[in-house]
Amino acid sequence: MRNDSDGRPVVSLGQGDFSRDIMPSDLGAAVAPEPGSVEPTLLQVVDAMRRYGGGFVSHLAEAWARADLDNERRLRQAFPEIWKRYRNMAHRDLVVQVGRKAVR
């Protein structure tokens, strides 16, 4: 991630003619973490599931929070699209937090 002329973090999406720069506040659930960036922890992803998910996802978050390593692996295999979506949301929250700290 790089900063714009005002020092705010900017994320580049895409490659070549399809690239564009966006601010962290523009990030949606479909934006995956950049290689080498900080990955959200399991608890940060579970927190995103609790905050942004509906009834099923919030209950799934509880299962994830209580799961041992073997069951956590089973949950990731059973619900990869849900894990990816909320991991990306947790990552977005981390990017926004870093941006707020950089502005202060």
Protein backbone atom coordinates (compact mmCIF):
# COMPACT_ATOMS: atom_id res chain seq x y z
CA MET A 1 0.00 0.00 0.00
CA ARG A 2 1.19 3.51 -0.73
CA ASN A 3 0.09 7.00 0.33
CA ASP A 4 -1.41 9.81 -1.73
CA SER A 5 -0.03 13.37 -1.72
CA ASP A 6 -1.82 14.07 1.58
CA GLY A 7 -0.31 10.99 3.25
CA ARG A 8 -3.54 8.98 3.19
CA PRO A 9 -3.24 5.28 2.32
CA VAL A 10 -4.19 4.33 -1.23
CA VAL A 11 -4.72 0.81 -2.55
CA SER A 12 -4.11 -0.04 -6.22
CA LEU A 13 -6.53 -2.53 -7.72
CA GLY A 14 -6.10 -4.47 -10.95
CA GLN A 15 -3.33 -4.42 -13.49
CA GLY A 16 -2.61 -2.40 -16.62
CA ASP A 17 -5.63 -0.72 -18.19
CA PHE A 18 -7.88 -2.14 -15.47
CA SER A 19 -6.03 -0.66 -12.49
CA ARG A 20 -7.33 2.14 -10.34
CA ASP A 21 -6.47 3.66 -7.00
CA ILE A 22 -8.99 3.71 -4.20
CA MET A 23 -9.11 4.95 -0.66
CA PRO A 24 -9.59 2.42 2.17
CA SER A 25 -13.11 3.76 2.73
CA ASP A 26 -13.95 2.56 -0.80
CA LEU A 27 -12.91 -1.02 -0.07
CA GLY A 28 -15.66 -3.59 -0.24
CA ALA A 29 -15.90 -7.20 0.78
CA ALA A 30 -14.54 -8.42 -2.56
CA VAL A 31 -11.12 -6.82 -2.10
CA ALA A 32 -8.54 -9.39 -1.06
CA PRO A 33 -5.47 -8.50 1.00
CA GLU A 34 -2.41 -7.59 -1.04
CA PRO A 35 0.47 -10.07 -0.95
CA GLY A 36 2.78 -9.18 1.91
CA SER A 37 0.15 -7.15 3.74
CA VAL A 38 -0.94 -7.90 7.28
CA GLU A 39 -3.46 -10.72 7.40
CA PRO A 40 -6.31 -10.43 9.89
CA THR A 41 -6.26 -12.89 12.77
CA LEU A 42 -8.93 -15.53 13.23
CA LEU A 43 -10.52 -13.44 15.97
CA GLN A 44 -10.59 -10.35 13.73
CA VAL A 45 -12.37 -12.36 11.03
CA VAL A 46 -14.82 -13.76 13.59
CA ASP A 47 -15.46 -10.20 14.82
CA ALA A 48 -16.21 -9.09 11.24
CA MET A 49 -18.60 -12.03 10.87
CA ARG A 50 -20.40 -10.99 14.07
CA ARG A 51 -20.61 -7.32 13.06
CA TYR A 52 -21.42 -7.59 9.36
CA GLY A 53 -23.04 -11.01 8.98
CA GLY A 54 -26.65 -11.99 9.18
CA GLY A 55 -28.15 -14.57 11.50
CA PHE A 56 -26.49 -17.62 9.94
CA VAL A 57 -23.05 -16.01 9.65
CA SER A 58 -23.16 -14.64 13.19
CA HIS A 59 -23.95 -18.14 14.51
CA LEU A 60 -21.21 -19.55 12.30
CA ALA A 61 -18.86 -16.98 13.87
CA GLU A 62 -19.68 -18.42 17.29
CA ALA A 63 -18.83 -21.90 16.05
CA TRP A 64 -15.56 -20.60 14.60
CA ALA A 65 -14.68 -18.85 17.85
CA ARG A 66 -15.24 -22.05 19.86
CA ALA A 67 -13.64 -24.48 17.39
CA ASP A 68 -10.42 -26.32 18.08
CA LEU A 69 -7.82 -26.43 15.28
CA ASP A 70 -9.32 -29.50 13.63
CA ASN A 71 -12.86 -28.12 13.60
CA GLU A 72 -11.63 -24.70 12.50
CA ARG A 73 -10.04 -26.41 9.48
CA ARG A 74 -13.33 -28.22 8.79
CA LEU A 75 -15.25 -24.96 8.92
CA ARG A 76 -12.85 -23.33 6.43
CA GLN A 77 -13.26 -26.30 4.08
CA ALA A 78 -17.05 -26.29 4.42
CA PHE A 79 -17.52 -22.51 4.06
CA PRO A 80 -14.57 -21.15 2.04
CA GLU A 81 -16.58 -18.37 0.39
CA ILE A 82 -17.86 -17.11 3.75
CA TRP A 83 -14.36 -17.21 5.27
CA LYS A 84 -12.91 -15.31 2.30
CA ARG A 85 -15.64 -12.67 2.33
CA TYR A 86 -15.29 -11.88 6.02
CA ARG A 87 -11.48 -12.17 5.98
CA ASN A 88 -11.55 -9.47 3.32
CA MET A 89 -13.89 -7.35 5.46
CA ALA A 90 -11.57 -7.76 8.45
CA HIS A 91 -8.64 -6.79 6.23
CA ARG A 92 -10.54 -3.70 5.07
CA ASP A 93 -11.08 -2.75 8.70
CA LEU A 94 -7.34 -3.16 9.36
CA VAL A 95 -6.48 -0.93 6.37
CA VAL A 96 -8.87 1.74 7.63
CA GLN A 97 -7.38 1.52 11.14
CA VAL A 98 -3.86 1.91 9.74
CA GLY A 99 -5.03 4.86 7.69
CA ARG A 100 -6.54 6.55 10.73
CA LYS A 101 -3.33 6.06 12.71
CA ALA A 102 -1.27 7.46 9.82
CA VAL A 103 -3.44 10.58 9.63
CA ARG A 104 -3.10 11.36 13.35
